Amino acid sequence: MKRLLFLIVLVISIVASNAQDLPIIDVHLHMQDEVMPKGPGRYPVALEDLPDTKIKDVSELLPLTVKAMKDNNVVLGIVTWHDLEKIYEWQKYAPGMFLTGVLFWDPLQPDIELIRNEIKEGRLDIIGEIAVQYNGFPPNDPRLEKFYSLAEEQDVPVLIHCGGLAGYNEYFNIKDGNPLLLEEVLKKHPNLRIYIENAAYPFGQEIVALMYRYPNVYADLSTISWLLPRRSFHNYLELLMDADLGKRLMFGSDQMIWPETIGMAIEAIETASFLSKEQKRDIFYNNAAEFLYLSEEEIQKHHEIKASR
């Protein structure tokens, strides 16, 4: 009888296709050490619609992000920042909820041997976000080679910023965001696991070509899911789905100082009428679980978390 009731509840949840009833993985979160100021050119105009949601103090970011995750059944998130000790604090605050990544804006900035040691010690899970485009470096800059080599050697994922969004300083060049610039990197490192922020928006045809050719390339949907007008986001997502890339797209929020954008990003995908229930589950959870090599035990635990909350 209990088994029958469980199956009935499961069927109802699937039919309803409510993301909160099933686990979600957010592959793109950030720690911040300041409440970023608004100002001309600092953000795309659309962010001006979020003045009341911005945190007032950075100490609020961690608890409010965890709350937003729990409210939306996000069971695992990848949080990145340049200060590793600060992101390790996120793991201590919410055990089991976070994987960690090292973010950097300059290829000369991070200590490669420190990163190597942190990976080997099991404290660091991701190399990235590699955000060097913000400072005028393309993704195939030779100075990034050591990071790609280390990621392939240790078999850890790389998150890289590519595309034409979020250029808020004079060094940012849209041309450096063309994902095809990664091709020479992928040829040199055929086993590199890499995912591209915002699916390289607006380079739609280019990201399709790259992902066709290189099956180890994944993409997250992060900021574009709540930053773009809904129709523009859905059009771009539909382009990627029509190209049969639905098994390599992953949910991300890129919440920065707006924890509420986690729910907004989920809602943007939920309202995509062209997605089937199975395709939504792939984006919300299954693709990331495969990309991150989650064990059967971890996956089972994630599917039990909702019932325990």
C-alpha atoms as a PDB file:
ATOM      1  CA  MET A   1       0.000   0.000   0.000  1.00  0.00           C
ATOM      2  CA  LYS A   2       2.820   2.400   0.898  1.00  0.00           C
ATOM      3  CA  ARG A   3       4.549   1.561  -2.378  1.00  0.00           C
ATOM      4  CA  LEU A   4       1.367   2.324  -4.322  1.00  0.00           C
ATOM      5  CA  LEU A   5       0.943   5.668  -2.589  1.00  0.00           C
ATOM      6  CA  PHE A   6       4.566   6.538  -3.360  1.00  0.00           C
ATOM      7  CA  LEU A   7       4.053   5.779  -7.055  1.00  0.00           C
ATOM      8  CA  ILE A   8       0.890   7.884  -7.153  1.00  0.00           C
ATOM      9  CA  VAL A   9       2.695  10.849  -5.615  1.00  0.00           C
ATOM     10  CA  LEU A  10       5.597  10.399  -8.042  1.00  0.00           C
ATOM     11  CA  VAL A  11       3.298  10.340 -11.063  1.00  0.00           C
ATOM     12  CA  ILE A  12       1.447  13.447  -9.879  1.00  0.00           C
ATOM     13  CA  SER A  13       4.716  15.335  -9.421  1.00  0.00           C
ATOM     14  CA  ILE A  14       5.950  14.386 -12.885  1.00  0.00           C
ATOM     15  CA  VAL A  15       2.661  15.340 -14.517  1.00  0.00           C
ATOM     16  CA  ALA A  16       2.709  18.679 -12.737  1.00  0.00           C
ATOM     17  CA  SER A  17       6.316  19.177 -13.877  1.00  0.00           C
ATOM     18  CA  ASN A  18       7.039  21.318 -10.845  1.00  0.00           C
ATOM     19  CA  ALA A  19      10.797  21.841 -10.533  1.00  0.00           C
ATOM     20  CA  GLN A  20      10.524  22.175  -6.765  1.00  0.00           C
ATOM     21  CA  ASP A  21       9.333  18.570  -6.458  1.00  0.00           C
ATOM     22  CA  LEU A  22      12.572  17.185  -7.873  1.00  0.00           C
ATOM     23  CA  PRO A  23      16.222  18.017  -7.195  1.00  0.00           C
ATOM     24  CA  ILE A  24      18.072  20.722  -9.083  1.00  0.00           C
ATOM     25  CA  ILE A  25      21.805  21.322  -9.498  1.00  0.00           C
ATOM     26  CA  ASP A  26      22.995  24.923  -9.905  1.00  0.00           C
ATOM     27  CA  VAL A  27      26.355  24.843 -11.688  1.00  0.00           C
ATOM     28  CA  HIS A  28      26.979  28.591 -11.453  1.00  0.00           C
ATOM     29  CA  LEU A  29      26.976  30.437  -8.126  1.00  0.00           C
ATOM     30  CA  HIS A  30      29.270  33.121  -6.758  1.00  0.00           C
ATOM     31  CA  MET A  31      30.561  34.279  -3.443  1.00  0.00           C
ATOM     32  CA  GLN A  32      31.040  38.088  -3.331  1.00  0.00           C
ATOM     33  CA  ASP A  33      33.196  40.255  -1.090  1.00  0.00           C
ATOM     34  CA  GLU A  34      31.382  43.502  -1.824  1.00  0.00           C
ATOM     35  CA  VAL A  35      27.935  44.704  -2.746  1.00  0.00           C
ATOM     36  CA  MET A  36      28.732  45.767  -6.273  1.00  0.00           C
ATOM     37  CA  PRO A  37      27.823  49.407  -6.913  1.00  0.00           C
ATOM     38  CA  LYS A  38      25.434  50.416  -9.623  1.00  0.00           C
ATOM     39  CA  GLY A  39      26.531  52.955 -12.151  1.00  0.00           C
ATOM     40  CA  PRO A  40      26.713  53.817 -15.844  1.00  0.00           C
ATOM     41  CA  GLY A  41      28.045  50.842 -17.747  1.00  0.00           C
ATOM     42  CA  ARG A  42      28.462  48.689 -14.655  1.00  0.00           C
ATOM     43  CA  TYR A  43      25.527  46.416 -15.450  1.00  0.00           C
ATOM     44  CA  PRO A  44      23.274  45.746 -18.406  1.00  0.00           C
ATOM     45  CA  VAL A  45      20.137  47.892 -18.147  1.00  0.00           C
ATOM     46  CA  ALA A  46      17.905  44.924 -17.282  1.00  0.00           C
ATOM     47  CA  LEU A  47      19.504  44.651 -13.839  1.00  0.00           C
ATOM     48  CA  GLU A  48      18.039  48.028 -12.940  1.00  0.00           C
ATOM     49  CA  ASP A  49      14.769  46.112 -12.528  1.00  0.00           C
ATOM     50  CA  LEU A  50      16.200  44.399  -9.427  1.00  0.00           C
ATOM     51  CA  PRO A  51      17.007  47.234  -6.979  1.00  0.00           C
ATOM     52  CA  ASP A  52      14.981  45.845  -4.094  1.00  0.00           C
ATOM     53  CA  THR A  53      16.423  42.344  -4.257  1.00  0.00           C
ATOM     54  CA  LYS A  54      20.086  43.294  -4.028  1.00  0.00           C
ATOM     55  CA  ILE A  55      21.604  42.316  -0.697  1.00  0.00           C
ATOM     56  CA  LYS A  56      22.481  45.224   1.552  1.00  0.00           C
ATOM     57  CA  ASP A  57      25.578  43.607   3.053  1.00  0.00           C
ATOM     58  CA  VAL A  58      27.776  40.741   1.830  1.00  0.00           C
ATOM     59  CA  SER A  59      27.200  38.873   5.085  1.00  0.00           C
ATOM     60  CA  GLU A  60      23.623  38.295   3.881  1.00  0.00           C
ATOM     61  CA  LEU A  61      24.640  36.539   0.680  1.00  0.00           C
ATOM     62  CA  LEU A  62      25.436  33.086   2.042  1.00  0.00           C
ATOM     63  CA  PRO A  63      22.332  32.573   4.232  1.00  0.00           C
ATOM     64  CA  LEU A  64      20.005  34.085   1.637  1.00  0.00           C
ATOM     65  CA  THR A  65      21.538  31.991  -1.160  1.00  0.00           C
ATOM     66  CA  VAL A  66      21.134  28.814   0.896  1.00  0.00           C
ATOM     67  CA  LYS A  67      17.541  29.782   1.688  1.00  0.00           C
ATOM     68  CA  ALA A  68      16.791  30.372  -2.005  1.00  0.00           C
ATOM     69  CA  MET A  69      18.348  27.025  -2.841  1.00  0.00           C
ATOM     70  CA  LYS A  70      16.308  25.157  -0.242  1.00  0.00           C
ATOM     71  CA  ASP A  71      13.115  26.980  -1.229  1.00  0.00           C
ATOM     72  CA  ASN A  72      13.611  25.770  -4.811  1.00  0.00           C
ATOM     73  CA  ASN A  73      15.036  22.311  -3.993  1.00  0.00           C
ATOM     74  CA  VAL A  74      18.470  23.133  -5.366  1.00  0.00           C
ATOM     75  CA  VAL A  75      20.383  20.342  -3.682  1.00  0.00           C
ATOM     76  CA  LEU A  76      23.861  21.081  -4.995  1.00  0.00           C
ATOM     77  CA  GLY A  77      25.597  24.217  -6.229  1.00  0.00           C
ATOM     78  CA  ILE A  78      29.009  25.089  -7.615  1.00  0.00           C
ATOM     79  CA  VAL A  79      30.222  28.259  -5.913  1.00  0.00           C
ATOM     80  CA  THR A  80      33.285  30.061  -7.273  1.00  0.00           C
ATOM     81  CA  TRP A  81      35.427  32.933  -6.056  1.00  0.00           C
ATOM     82  CA  HIS A  82      39.055  34.018  -6.085  1.00  0.00           C
ATOM     83  CA  ASP A  83      39.460  33.661  -2.305  1.00  0.00           C
ATOM     84  CA  LEU A  84      39.335  29.914  -1.666  1.00  0.00           C
ATOM     85  CA  GLU A  85      39.131  30.195   2.119  1.00  0.00           C
ATOM     86  CA  LYS A  86      35.923  32.209   1.780  1.00  0.00           C
ATOM     87  CA  ILE A  87      34.221  29.676  -0.463  1.00  0.00           C
ATOM     88  CA  TYR A  88      35.292  26.870   1.855  1.00  0.00           C
ATOM     89  CA  GLU A  89      33.257  28.694   4.489  1.00  0.00           C
ATOM     90  CA  TRP A  90      30.184  28.079   2.321  1.00  0.00           C
ATOM     91  CA  GLN A  91      30.810  24.350   2.535  1.00  0.00           C
ATOM     92  CA  LYS A  92      31.120  24.551   6.309  1.00  0.00           C
ATOM     93  CA  TYR A  93      27.886  26.558   6.573  1.00  0.00           C
ATOM     94  CA  ALA A  94      25.875  24.083   4.477  1.00  0.00           C
ATOM     95  CA  PRO A  95      27.624  20.692   4.371  1.00  0.00           C
ATOM     96  CA  GLY A  96      26.950  18.741   1.204  1.00  0.00           C
ATOM     97  CA  MET A  97      25.356  21.639  -0.669  1.00  0.00           C
ATOM     98  CA  PHE A  98      28.401  23.095  -2.438  1.00  0.00           C
ATOM     99  CA  LEU A  99      31.242  22.178  -4.736  1.00  0.00           C
ATOM    100  CA  THR A 100      33.981  24.782  -5.048  1.00  0.00           C
ATOM    101  CA  GLY A 101      35.762  26.536  -7.906  1.00  0.00           C
ATOM    102  CA  VAL A 102      38.489  29.141  -8.198  1.00  0.00           C
ATOM    103  CA  LEU A 103      37.522  32.265 -10.136  1.00  0.00           C
ATOM    104  CA  PHE A 104      40.100  34.515 -11.779  1.00  0.00           C
ATOM    105  CA  TRP A 105      40.118  37.463 -14.174  1.00  0.00           C
ATOM    106  CA  ASP A 106      43.783  37.424 -15.163  1.00  0.00           C
ATOM    107  CA  PRO A 107      45.781  34.371 -16.327  1.00  0.00           C
ATOM    108  CA  LEU A 108      48.742  35.576 -14.243  1.00  0.00           C
ATOM    109  CA  GLN A 109      46.630  35.968 -11.115  1.00  0.00           C
ATOM    110  CA  PRO A 110      46.216  32.523  -9.509  1.00  0.00           C
ATOM    111  CA  ASP A 111      48.926  30.293  -8.074  1.00  0.00           C
ATOM    112  CA  ILE A 112      48.833  27.170 -10.250  1.00  0.00           C
ATOM    113  CA  GLU A 113      50.629  25.041  -7.642  1.00  0.00           C
ATOM    114  CA  LEU A 114      48.179  26.092  -4.947  1.00  0.00           C
ATOM    115  CA  ILE A 115      45.308  25.099  -7.221  1.00  0.00           C
ATOM    116  CA  ARG A 116      47.003  21.767  -7.987  1.00  0.00           C
ATOM    117  CA  ASN A 117      47.431  21.031  -4.290  1.00  0.00           C
ATOM    118  CA  GLU A 118      43.848  22.014  -3.410  1.00  0.00           C
ATOM    119  CA  ILE A 119      42.534  19.700  -6.136  1.00  0.00           C
ATOM    120  CA  LYS A 120      44.704  16.801  -4.982  1.00  0.00           C
ATOM    121  CA  GLU A 121      43.614  17.347  -1.386  1.00  0.00           C
ATOM    122  CA  GLY A 122      39.979  17.182  -2.478  1.00  0.00           C
ATOM    123  CA  ARG A 123      39.109  20.708  -1.431  1.00  0.00           C
ATOM    124  CA  LEU A 124      38.750  22.258  -4.887  1.00  0.00           C
ATOM    125  CA  ASP A 125      36.388  20.748  -7.446  1.00  0.00           C
ATOM    126  CA  ILE A 126      36.352  23.173 -10.393  1.00  0.00           C
ATOM    127  CA  ILE A 127      38.834  25.379 -12.230  1.00  0.00           C
ATOM    128  CA  GLY A 128      36.883  28.517 -12.973  1.00  0.00           C
ATOM    129  CA  GLU A 129      35.067  30.593 -13.501  1.00  0.00           C
ATOM    130  CA  ILE A 130      37.833  31.610 -15.898  1.00  0.00           C
ATOM    131  CA  ALA A 131      36.636  35.178 -16.408  1.00  0.00           C
ATOM    132  CA  VAL A 132      39.632  36.553 -18.272  1.00  0.00           C
ATOM    133  CA  GLN A 133      37.468  37.947 -21.083  1.00  0.00           C
ATOM    134  CA  TYR A 134      36.611  40.796 -18.716  1.00  0.00           C
ATOM    135  CA  ASN A 135      40.240  41.908 -18.871  1.00  0.00           C
ATOM    136  CA  GLY A 136      40.758  41.503 -22.595  1.00  0.00           C
ATOM    137  CA  PHE A 137      42.118  37.940 -22.751  1.00  0.00           C
ATOM    138  CA  PRO A 138      40.597  35.417 -25.192  1.00  0.00           C
ATOM    139  CA  PRO A 139      40.019  31.820 -24.061  1.00  0.00           C
ATOM    140  CA  ASN A 140      42.919  30.567 -26.197  1.00  0.00           C
ATOM    141  CA  ASP A 141      45.462  32.908 -24.613  1.00  0.00           C
ATOM    142  CA  PRO A 142      48.682  30.859 -24.190  1.00  0.00           C
ATOM    143  CA  ARG A 143      48.904  31.908 -20.549  1.00  0.00           C
ATOM    144  CA  LEU A 144      45.810  29.813 -19.810  1.00  0.00           C
ATOM    145  CA  GLU A 145      47.447  26.630 -21.092  1.00  0.00           C
ATOM    146  CA  LYS A 146      48.690  25.556 -17.660  1.00  0.00           C
ATOM    147  CA  PHE A 147      45.153  25.647 -16.272  1.00  0.00           C
ATOM    148  CA  TYR A 148      43.710  23.596 -19.112  1.00  0.00           C
ATOM    149  CA  SER A 149      46.564  21.095 -18.770  1.00  0.00           C
ATOM    150  CA  LEU A 150      45.994  20.757 -15.030  1.00  0.00           C
ATOM    151  CA  ALA A 151      42.225  20.329 -15.472  1.00  0.00           C
ATOM    152  CA  GLU A 152      42.737  17.564 -18.029  1.00  0.00           C
ATOM    153  CA  GLU A 153      45.455  15.902 -15.957  1.00  0.00           C
ATOM    154  CA  GLN A 154      43.316  15.875 -12.798  1.00  0.00           C
ATOM    155  CA  ASP A 155      40.029  15.346 -14.680  1.00  0.00           C
ATOM    156  CA  VAL A 156      38.254  18.302 -13.083  1.00  0.00           C
ATOM    157  CA  PRO A 157      35.753  20.494 -14.950  1.00  0.00           C
ATOM    158  CA  VAL A 158      36.495  23.975 -16.241  1.00  0.00           C
ATOM    159  CA  LEU A 159      33.939  26.792 -16.248  1.00  0.00           C
ATOM    160  CA  ILE A 160      34.747  29.624 -18.647  1.00  0.00           C
ATOM    161  CA  HIS A 161      33.062  32.904 -19.503  1.00  0.00           C
ATOM    162  CA  CYS A 162      32.414  33.248 -23.233  1.00  0.00           C
ATOM    163  CA  GLY A 163      29.941  35.451 -25.054  1.00  0.00           C
ATOM    164  CA  GLY A 164      28.961  39.059 -25.444  1.00  0.00           C
ATOM    165  CA  LEU A 165      27.230  39.840 -22.136  1.00  0.00           C
ATOM    166  CA  ALA A 166      28.329  41.690 -19.013  1.00  0.00           C
ATOM    167  CA  GLY A 167      31.085  43.816 -20.457  1.00  0.00           C
ATOM    168  CA  TYR A 168      31.293  46.584 -17.883  1.00  0.00           C
ATOM    169  CA  ASN A 169      34.854  47.849 -18.415  1.00  0.00           C
ATOM    170  CA  GLU A 170      37.027  49.119 -21.216  1.00  0.00           C
ATOM    171  CA  TYR A 171      39.018  45.895 -21.508  1.00  0.00           C
ATOM    172  CA  PHE A 172      36.067  43.645 -22.332  1.00  0.00           C
ATOM    173  CA  ASN A 173      35.956  42.681 -26.012  1.00  0.00           C
ATOM    174  CA  ILE A 174      32.972  40.870 -27.499  1.00  0.00           C
ATOM    175  CA  LYS A 175      35.200  39.198 -30.097  1.00  0.00           C
ATOM    176  CA  ASP A 176      37.103  37.472 -27.277  1.00  0.00           C
ATOM    177  CA  GLY A 177      33.849  35.741 -26.334  1.00  0.00           C
ATOM    178  CA  ASN A 178      33.531  33.743 -29.552  1.00  0.00           C
ATOM    179  CA  PRO A 179      33.466  30.109 -28.372  1.00  0.00           C
ATOM    180  CA  LEU A 180      35.184  28.958 -31.571  1.00  0.00           C
ATOM    181  CA  LEU A 181      38.372  30.383 -30.057  1.00  0.00           C
ATOM    182  CA  LEU A 182      38.290  27.332 -27.790  1.00  0.00           C
ATOM    183  CA  GLU A 183      38.743  24.921 -30.678  1.00  0.00           C
ATOM    184  CA  GLU A 184      42.535  24.909 -30.568  1.00  0.00           C
ATOM    185  CA  VAL A 185      42.332  24.300 -26.805  1.00  0.00           C
ATOM    186  CA  LEU A 186      39.998  21.340 -27.314  1.00  0.00           C
ATOM    187  CA  LYS A 187      42.203  19.843 -30.008  1.00  0.00           C
ATOM    188  CA  LYS A 188      45.176  20.006 -27.673  1.00  0.00           C
ATOM    189  CA  HIS A 189      43.173  18.693 -24.709  1.00  0.00           C
ATOM    190  CA  PRO A 190      40.675  16.153 -26.085  1.00  0.00           C
ATOM    191  CA  ASN A 191      39.694  14.924 -22.615  1.00  0.00           C
ATOM    192  CA  LEU A 192      39.069  18.343 -21.113  1.00  0.00           C
ATOM    193  CA  ARG A 193      35.667  18.651 -19.433  1.00  0.00           C
ATOM    194  CA  ILE A 194      34.552  22.224 -19.993  1.00  0.00           C
ATOM    195  CA  TYR A 195      31.311  24.138 -19.720  1.00  0.00           C
ATOM    196  CA  ILE A 196      30.632  27.533 -21.187  1.00  0.00           C
ATOM    197  CA  GLU A 197      28.752  30.230 -19.323  1.00  0.00           C
ATOM    198  CA  ASN A 198      25.464  31.469 -20.793  1.00  0.00           C
ATOM    199  CA  ALA A 199      25.886  29.033 -23.688  1.00  0.00           C
ATOM    200  CA  ALA A 200      28.114  31.773 -25.164  1.00  0.00           C
ATOM    201  CA  TYR A 201      25.138  34.048 -25.901  1.00  0.00           C
ATOM    202  CA  PRO A 202      24.710  35.551 -28.475  1.00  0.00           C
ATOM    203  CA  PHE A 203      27.072  33.268 -30.425  1.00  0.00           C
ATOM    204  CA  GLY A 204      24.354  30.705 -31.132  1.00  0.00           C
ATOM    205  CA  GLN A 205      25.595  29.170 -34.374  1.00  0.00           C
ATOM    206  CA  GLU A 206      29.162  29.134 -33.089  1.00  0.00           C
ATOM    207  CA  ILE A 207      28.318  27.271 -29.877  1.00  0.00           C
ATOM    208  CA  VAL A 208      26.215  24.789 -31.847  1.00  0.00           C
ATOM    209  CA  ALA A 209      29.142  24.097 -34.176  1.00  0.00           C
ATOM    210  CA  LEU A 210      31.577  23.717 -31.280  1.00  0.00           C
ATOM    211  CA  MET A 211      29.325  21.381 -29.305  1.00  0.00           C
ATOM    212  CA  TYR A 212      28.589  19.281 -32.383  1.00  0.00           C
ATOM    213  CA  ARG A 213      32.285  18.732 -32.954  1.00  0.00           C
ATOM    214  CA  TYR A 214      33.382  18.315 -29.336  1.00  0.00           C
ATOM    215  CA  PRO A 215      31.123  16.153 -27.148  1.00  0.00           C
ATOM    216  CA  ASN A 216      33.080  17.058 -24.000  1.00  0.00           C
ATOM    217  CA  VAL A 217      31.764  20.643 -24.216  1.00  0.00           C
ATOM    218  CA  TYR A 218      28.709  21.485 -22.090  1.00  0.00           C
ATOM    219  CA  ALA A 219      27.012  24.841 -21.477  1.00  0.00           C
ATOM    220  CA  ASP A 220      25.126  26.506 -18.655  1.00  0.00           C
ATOM    221  CA  LEU A 221      22.106  28.781 -19.092  1.00  0.00           C
ATOM    222  CA  SER A 222      22.781  30.969 -16.034  1.00  0.00           C
ATOM    223  CA  THR A 223      22.427  34.745 -16.385  1.00  0.00           C
ATOM    224  CA  ILE A 224      20.609  34.781 -19.709  1.00  0.00           C
ATOM    225  CA  SER A 225      17.658  32.968 -18.133  1.00  0.00           C
ATOM    226  CA  TRP A 226      16.731  36.009 -16.022  1.00  0.00           C
ATOM    227  CA  LEU A 227      18.687  38.850 -17.603  1.00  0.00           C
ATOM    228  CA  LEU A 228      17.319  38.627 -21.137  1.00  0.00           C
ATOM    229  CA  PRO A 229      13.715  39.362 -22.033  1.00  0.00           C
ATOM    230  CA  ARG A 230      11.883  36.065 -21.664  1.00  0.00           C
ATOM    231  CA  ARG A 231      11.152  35.727 -25.376  1.00  0.00           C
ATOM    232  CA  SER A 232      14.819  36.272 -26.267  1.00  0.00           C
ATOM    233  CA  PHE A 233      15.926  33.647 -23.752  1.00  0.00           C
ATOM    234  CA  HIS A 234      13.384  31.126 -24.992  1.00  0.00           C
ATOM    235  CA  ASN A 235      14.369  31.756 -28.605  1.00  0.00           C
ATOM    236  CA  TYR A 236      18.017  31.106 -27.794  1.00  0.00           C
ATOM    237  CA  LEU A 237      17.229  28.021 -25.737  1.00  0.00           C
ATOM    238  CA  GLU A 238      15.007  26.689 -28.506  1.00  0.00           C
ATOM    239  CA  LEU A 239      17.852  27.172 -31.000  1.00  0.00           C
ATOM    240  CA  LEU A 240      20.070  24.973 -28.829  1.00  0.00           C
ATOM    241  CA  MET A 241      17.347  22.369 -28.318  1.00  0.00           C
ATOM    242  CA  ASP A 242      16.549  22.249 -32.040  1.00  0.00           C
ATOM    243  CA  ALA A 243      20.236  21.499 -32.584  1.00  0.00           C
ATOM    244  CA  ASP A 244      19.789  18.415 -30.365  1.00  0.00           C
ATOM    245  CA  LEU A 245      22.050  19.714 -27.577  1.00  0.00           C
ATOM    246  CA  GLY A 246      19.545  19.164 -24.778  1.00  0.00           C
ATOM    247  CA  LYS A 247      21.709  16.517 -23.107  1.00  0.00           C
ATOM    248  CA  ARG A 248      24.549  18.979 -22.545  1.00  0.00           C
ATOM    249  CA  LEU A 249      22.762  22.068 -21.234  1.00  0.00           C
ATOM    250  CA  MET A 250      22.860  22.675 -17.481  1.00  0.00           C
ATOM    251  CA  PHE A 251      20.948  24.878 -15.091  1.00  0.00           C
ATOM    252  CA  GLY A 252      22.802  27.757 -13.472  1.00  0.00           C
ATOM    253  CA  SER A 253      21.703  30.997 -11.859  1.00  0.00           C
ATOM    254  CA  ASP A 254      24.844  33.170 -11.565  1.00  0.00           C
ATOM    255  CA  GLN A 255      23.058  34.723  -8.587  1.00  0.00           C
ATOM    256  CA  MET A 256      25.825  37.205  -7.684  1.00  0.00           C
ATOM    257  CA  ILE A 257      24.128  39.610  -5.223  1.00  0.00           C
ATOM    258  CA  TRP A 258      20.568  38.613  -6.163  1.00  0.00           C
ATOM    259  CA  PRO A 259      19.729  35.258  -4.484  1.00  0.00           C
ATOM    260  CA  GLU A 260      16.164  35.598  -5.771  1.00  0.00           C
ATOM    261  CA  THR A 261      17.425  35.061  -9.315  1.00  0.00           C
ATOM    262  CA  ILE A 262      17.730  31.349  -8.503  1.00  0.00           C
ATOM    263  CA  GLY A 263      13.945  31.097  -8.512  1.00  0.00           C
ATOM    264  CA  MET A 264      13.685  33.423 -11.502  1.00  0.00           C
ATOM    265  CA  ALA A 265      16.066  31.222 -13.513  1.00  0.00           C
ATOM    266  CA  ILE A 266      14.083  28.106 -12.647  1.00  0.00           C
ATOM    267  CA  GLU A 267      10.819  29.761 -13.648  1.00  0.00           C
ATOM    268  CA  ALA A 268      12.300  30.819 -16.993  1.00  0.00           C
ATOM    269  CA  ILE A 269      13.024  27.202 -17.871  1.00  0.00           C
ATOM    270  CA  GLU A 270       9.757  25.899 -16.441  1.00  0.00           C
ATOM    271  CA  THR A 271       7.787  28.254 -18.713  1.00  0.00           C
ATOM    272  CA  ALA A 272       9.556  27.112 -21.886  1.00  0.00           C
ATOM    273  CA  SER A 273       6.554  25.374 -23.483  1.00  0.00           C
ATOM    274  CA  PHE A 274       8.695  23.690 -26.150  1.00  0.00           C
ATOM    275  CA  LEU A 275      10.552  21.647 -23.515  1.00  0.00           C
ATOM    276  CA  SER A 276       9.257  18.246 -22.523  1.00  0.00           C
ATOM    277  CA  LYS A 277       9.254  17.142 -18.878  1.00  0.00           C
ATOM    278  CA  GLU A 278      12.206  14.885 -19.621  1.00  0.00           C
ATOM    279  CA  GLN A 279      14.160  17.717 -21.230  1.00  0.00           C
ATOM    280  CA  LYS A 280      13.556  19.950 -18.218  1.00  0.00           C
ATOM    281  CA  ARG A 281      14.805  17.237 -15.893  1.00  0.00           C
ATOM    282  CA  ASP A 282      17.938  16.892 -18.018  1.00  0.00           C
ATOM    283  CA  ILE A 283      18.635  20.625 -17.772  1.00  0.00           C
ATOM    284  CA  PHE A 284      17.754  20.903 -14.096  1.00  0.00           C
ATOM    285  CA  TYR A 285      19.608  17.823 -12.872  1.00  0.00           C
ATOM    286  CA  ASN A 286      20.521  14.874 -15.084  1.00  0.00           C
ATOM    287  CA  ASN A 287      23.056  16.554 -17.358  1.00  0.00           C
ATOM    288  CA  ALA A 288      24.992  18.075 -14.464  1.00  0.00           C
ATOM    289  CA  ALA A 289      24.921  14.789 -12.545  1.00  0.00           C
ATOM    290  CA  GLU A 290      26.553  13.084 -15.508  1.00  0.00           C
ATOM    291  CA  PHE A 291      29.015  15.916 -16.183  1.00  0.00           C
ATOM    292  CA  LEU A 292      30.112  16.011 -12.530  1.00  0.00           C
ATOM    293  CA  TYR A 293      30.413  12.218 -12.237  1.00  0.00           C
ATOM    294  CA  LEU A 294      27.960  11.997  -9.354  1.00  0.00           C
ATOM    295  CA  SER A 295      27.663   8.541  -7.860  1.00  0.00           C
ATOM    296  CA  GLU A 296      24.436   6.556  -7.703  1.00  0.00           C
ATOM    297  CA  GLU A 297      24.454   7.110  -3.940  1.00  0.00           C
ATOM    298  CA  GLU A 298      24.719  10.877  -4.339  1.00  0.00           C
ATOM    299  CA  ILE A 299      21.928  10.927  -6.902  1.00  0.00           C
ATOM    300  CA  GLN A 300      19.700   8.833  -4.671  1.00  0.00           C
ATOM    301  CA  LYS A 301      20.405  11.117  -1.715  1.00  0.00           C
ATOM    302  CA  HIS A 302      19.509  14.199  -3.764  1.00  0.00           C
ATOM    303  CA  HIS A 303      16.164  12.673  -4.687  1.00  0.00           C
ATOM    304  CA  GLU A 304      15.419  12.028  -1.034  1.00  0.00           C
ATOM    305  CA  ILE A 305      16.229  15.534   0.201  1.00  0.00           C
ATOM    306  CA  LYS A 306      12.829  17.038  -0.634  1.00  0.00           C
ATOM    307  CA  ALA A 307      11.033  14.578   1.591  1.00  0.00           C
ATOM    308  CA  SER A 308      13.314  15.403   4.525  1.00  0.00           C
ATOM    309  CA  ARG A 309      12.727  19.170   4.383  1.00  0.00           C
END
